[in-house]
C-alpha cells in the first residue's frame, strides 16, 4: 500500500503561483497514475489533473487547463502540480491520489492528507 504526502500549499494573492508536491512512500515508476483532486466545503471532490506512470501523458480539468501543469520525477517518487495565474475559485484543499483511473474520486484507492491552498488578496 502506497502512502502519499502532499506539501506546498499556502496563501497566495490572485494571479500568483504555487507548486504542490506529492511524495510517495515507494517508487511509483510505471505502476501508478497519479491524480490531483481538490475539495471545497459543500462540494464533491473535483478532478484537477492527472499524469500517467511514465509521465508522458497528462490530463487537465477545463477550469485549470493552461494554468496548471502536472509532472512527475520517478527517481524522487514525487509528483508536482505547478499552479499559475491562481484565482480565488482555486481555493480548496488539494489531494493527490493513486491506485485508480479516470476523473472520479471514487476510483482511487490511496490518498494523501491534503494541503490547503487559499487564493485571496
C-alpha atoms as a PDB file:
ATOM      1  CA  UNK A   1       0.000   0.000   0.000  1.00  0.00           C
ATOM      2  CA  UNK A   2       1.495   3.295  -1.092  1.00  0.00           C
ATOM      3  CA  UNK A   3       1.362   6.309   1.208  1.00  0.00           C
ATOM      4  CA  UNK A   4       1.113   9.817  -0.213  1.00  0.00           C
ATOM      5  CA  UNK A   5       2.063  13.116   1.425  1.00  0.00           C
ATOM      6  CA  UNK A   6       1.190  16.485  -0.102  1.00  0.00           C
ATOM      7  CA  UNK A   7       3.028  19.713   0.620  1.00  0.00           C
ATOM      8  CA  UNK A   8       3.410  23.210  -0.784  1.00  0.00           C
ATOM      9  CA  UNK A   9       0.032  24.739  -0.046  1.00  0.00           C
ATOM     10  CA  UNK A  10      -0.421  28.180   1.425  1.00  0.00           C
ATOM     11  CA  UNK A  11      -1.877  31.639   0.997  1.00  0.00           C
ATOM     12  CA  UNK A  12      -1.272  33.436  -2.296  1.00  0.00           C
ATOM     13  CA  UNK A  13      -2.682  36.535  -3.954  1.00  0.00           C
ATOM     14  CA  UNK A  14      -4.778  36.283  -7.108  1.00  0.00           C
ATOM     15  CA  UNK A  15      -2.510  35.928 -10.119  1.00  0.00           C
ATOM     16  CA  UNK A  16       0.197  34.294  -8.048  1.00  0.00           C
ATOM     17  CA  UNK A  17       1.738  30.828  -8.238  1.00  0.00           C
ATOM     18  CA  UNK A  18       2.231  27.812  -6.022  1.00  0.00           C
ATOM     19  CA  UNK A  19       3.875  24.442  -6.594  1.00  0.00           C
ATOM     20  CA  UNK A  20       2.415  21.444  -4.816  1.00  0.00           C
ATOM     21  CA  UNK A  21       4.310  18.211  -4.241  1.00  0.00           C
ATOM     22  CA  UNK A  22       3.027  14.695  -3.695  1.00  0.00           C
ATOM     23  CA  UNK A  23       5.661  12.376  -2.227  1.00  0.00           C
ATOM     24  CA  UNK A  24       5.080   8.633  -2.391  1.00  0.00           C
ATOM     25  CA  UNK A  25       6.348   6.102   0.134  1.00  0.00           C
ATOM     26  CA  UNK A  26       7.645   3.793  -2.582  1.00  0.00           C
ATOM     27  CA  UNK A  27       8.943   4.131  -6.102  1.00  0.00           C
ATOM     28  CA  UNK A  28       5.862   4.719  -8.221  1.00  0.00           C
ATOM     29  CA  UNK A  29       7.657   4.298 -11.517  1.00  0.00           C
ATOM     30  CA  UNK A  30       5.360   2.898 -14.148  1.00  0.00           C
ATOM     31  CA  UNK A  31       2.976   1.467 -11.608  1.00  0.00           C
ATOM     32  CA  UNK A  32       0.634   4.294 -10.696  1.00  0.00           C
ATOM     33  CA  UNK A  33      -1.176   7.034 -12.478  1.00  0.00           C
ATOM     34  CA  UNK A  34      -1.308   9.937 -10.017  1.00  0.00           C
ATOM     35  CA  UNK A  35      -4.175  12.400  -9.992  1.00  0.00           C
ATOM     36  CA  UNK A  36      -4.784  15.660  -8.189  1.00  0.00           C
ATOM     37  CA  UNK A  37      -8.217  16.493  -6.819  1.00  0.00           C
ATOM     38  CA  UNK A  38      -9.493  19.434  -4.825  1.00  0.00           C
ATOM     39  CA  UNK A  39     -12.290  19.831  -2.346  1.00  0.00           C
ATOM     40  CA  UNK A  40     -14.237  22.781  -1.018  1.00  0.00           C
ATOM     41  CA  UNK A  41     -16.934  22.511   1.678  1.00  0.00           C
ATOM     42  CA  UNK A  42     -20.315  21.504   0.338  1.00  0.00           C
ATOM     43  CA  UNK A  43     -18.946  20.181  -2.933  1.00  0.00           C
ATOM     44  CA  UNK A  44     -17.759  16.849  -4.269  1.00  0.00           C
ATOM     45  CA  UNK A  45     -14.047  16.287  -4.757  1.00  0.00           C
ATOM     46  CA  UNK A  46     -13.187  17.766  -8.132  1.00  0.00           C
ATOM     47  CA  UNK A  47     -10.668  16.316 -10.571  1.00  0.00           C
ATOM     48  CA  UNK A  48      -7.839  18.742 -11.329  1.00  0.00           C
ATOM     49  CA  UNK A  49      -5.070  16.958 -13.236  1.00  0.00           C
ATOM     50  CA  UNK A  50      -3.584  13.529 -13.912  1.00  0.00           C
ATOM     51  CA  UNK A  51      -0.222  12.129 -15.024  1.00  0.00           C
ATOM     52  CA  UNK A  52       0.385   8.557 -16.138  1.00  0.00           C
ATOM     53  CA  UNK A  53       3.027   6.292 -14.672  1.00  0.00           C
ATOM     54  CA  UNK A  54       5.507   7.056 -17.413  1.00  0.00           C
ATOM     55  CA  UNK A  55       4.891  10.788 -17.136  1.00  0.00           C
ATOM     56  CA  UNK A  56       4.292  11.049 -20.855  1.00  0.00           C
ATOM     57  CA  UNK A  57       0.543  11.609 -20.742  1.00  0.00           C
ATOM     58  CA  UNK A  58      -1.325  14.248 -18.790  1.00  0.00           C
ATOM     59  CA  UNK A  59      -4.917  15.385 -18.489  1.00  0.00           C
ATOM     60  CA  UNK A  60      -6.481  18.514 -17.004  1.00  0.00           C
ATOM     61  CA  UNK A  61      -9.850  19.805 -15.939  1.00  0.00           C
ATOM     62  CA  UNK A  62     -11.132  22.545 -18.209  1.00  0.00           C
ATOM     63  CA  UNK A  63     -11.080  25.021 -15.317  1.00  0.00           C
ATOM     64  CA  UNK A  64      -7.304  24.733 -14.866  1.00  0.00           C
ATOM     65  CA  UNK A  65      -6.053  23.907 -18.365  1.00  0.00           C
ATOM     66  CA  UNK A  66      -3.401  26.361 -19.477  1.00  0.00           C
ATOM     67  CA  UNK A  67      -2.727  27.495 -15.900  1.00  0.00           C
ATOM     68  CA  UNK A  68      -1.734  24.274 -14.097  1.00  0.00           C
ATOM     69  CA  UNK A  69       0.962  21.788 -15.060  1.00  0.00           C
ATOM     70  CA  UNK A  70       1.338  18.287 -13.630  1.00  0.00           C
ATOM     71  CA  UNK A  71       4.657  16.447 -13.806  1.00  0.00           C
ATOM     72  CA  UNK A  72       6.482  13.643 -12.074  1.00  0.00           C
ATOM     73  CA  UNK A  73      10.008  12.723 -11.092  1.00  0.00           C
ATOM     74  CA  UNK A  74      10.009   8.971 -10.691  1.00  0.00           C
ATOM     75  CA  UNK A  75      13.567   8.953  -9.406  1.00  0.00           C
ATOM     76  CA  UNK A  76      12.349  11.055  -6.491  1.00  0.00           C
ATOM     77  CA  UNK A  77       8.947   9.319  -6.290  1.00  0.00           C
ATOM     78  CA  UNK A  78       7.331  12.744  -6.422  1.00  0.00           C
ATOM     79  CA  UNK A  79       4.548  14.256  -8.488  1.00  0.00           C
ATOM     80  CA  UNK A  80       4.208  18.014  -8.825  1.00  0.00           C
ATOM     81  CA  UNK A  81       1.380  20.411  -9.580  1.00  0.00           C
ATOM     82  CA  UNK A  82       2.567  23.816 -10.740  1.00  0.00           C
ATOM     83  CA  UNK A  83      -0.276  26.291 -10.377  1.00  0.00           C
ATOM     84  CA  UNK A  84      -0.011  29.666 -12.110  1.00  0.00           C
ATOM     85  CA  UNK A  85      -2.418  32.586 -12.550  1.00  0.00           C
ATOM     86  CA  UNK A  86      -4.290  31.471  -9.460  1.00  0.00           C
ATOM     87  CA  UNK A  87      -7.861  32.642  -8.926  1.00  0.00           C
ATOM     88  CA  UNK A  88      -9.960  32.867  -5.750  1.00  0.00           C
ATOM     89  CA  UNK A  89     -12.058  29.989  -7.059  1.00  0.00           C
ATOM     90  CA  UNK A  90      -8.960  27.768  -6.913  1.00  0.00           C
ATOM     91  CA  UNK A  91      -9.150  27.948  -3.121  1.00  0.00           C
ATOM     92  CA  UNK A  92      -9.549  24.387  -1.825  1.00  0.00           C
ATOM     93  CA  UNK A  93      -7.834  21.506  -0.098  1.00  0.00           C
ATOM     94  CA  UNK A  94      -5.741  19.742  -2.735  1.00  0.00           C
ATOM     95  CA  UNK A  95      -5.210  15.976  -2.611  1.00  0.00           C
ATOM     96  CA  UNK A  96      -3.126  13.590  -4.635  1.00  0.00           C
ATOM     97  CA  UNK A  97      -4.444  10.112  -5.277  1.00  0.00           C
ATOM     98  CA  UNK A  98      -3.129   6.831  -6.684  1.00  0.00           C
ATOM     99  CA  UNK A  99      -4.268   3.317  -7.423  1.00  0.00           C
ATOM    100  CA  UNK A 100      -7.090   4.335  -9.703  1.00  0.00           C
ATOM    101  CA  UNK A 101      -8.014   5.799 -13.045  1.00  0.00           C
ATOM    102  CA  UNK A 102     -10.101   8.494 -14.654  1.00  0.00           C
ATOM    103  CA  UNK A 103     -11.653  11.622 -13.210  1.00  0.00           C
ATOM    104  CA  UNK A 104     -13.829  10.160 -10.476  1.00  0.00           C
ATOM    105  CA  UNK A 105     -12.519  10.319  -6.916  1.00  0.00           C
ATOM    106  CA  UNK A 106     -14.253   7.065  -6.014  1.00  0.00           C
ATOM    107  CA  UNK A 107     -11.997   5.228  -8.466  1.00  0.00           C
ATOM    108  CA  UNK A 108      -8.862   5.840  -6.394  1.00  0.00           C
ATOM    109  CA  UNK A 109      -7.627   3.687  -3.514  1.00  0.00           C
ATOM    110  CA  UNK A 110      -4.823   5.755  -1.996  1.00  0.00           C
ATOM    111  CA  UNK A 111      -4.998   9.367  -0.830  1.00  0.00           C
ATOM    112  CA  UNK A 112      -2.799  11.876   0.862  1.00  0.00           C
ATOM    113  CA  UNK A 113      -3.932  14.030   3.778  1.00  0.00           C
ATOM    114  CA  UNK A 114      -4.368  17.142   1.636  1.00  0.00           C
ATOM    115  CA  UNK A 115      -2.805  20.584   1.582  1.00  0.00           C
ATOM    116  CA  UNK A 116      -4.751  23.850   1.838  1.00  0.00           C
ATOM    117  CA  UNK A 117      -4.476  26.391  -0.966  1.00  0.00           C
ATOM    118  CA  UNK A 118      -6.024  29.797  -0.331  1.00  0.00           C
ATOM    119  CA  UNK A 119      -6.121  32.452  -3.043  1.00  0.00           C
ATOM    120  CA  UNK A 120      -7.053  35.808  -1.575  1.00  0.00           C
ATOM    121  CA  UNK A 121      -5.967  39.416  -1.549  1.00  0.00           C
END
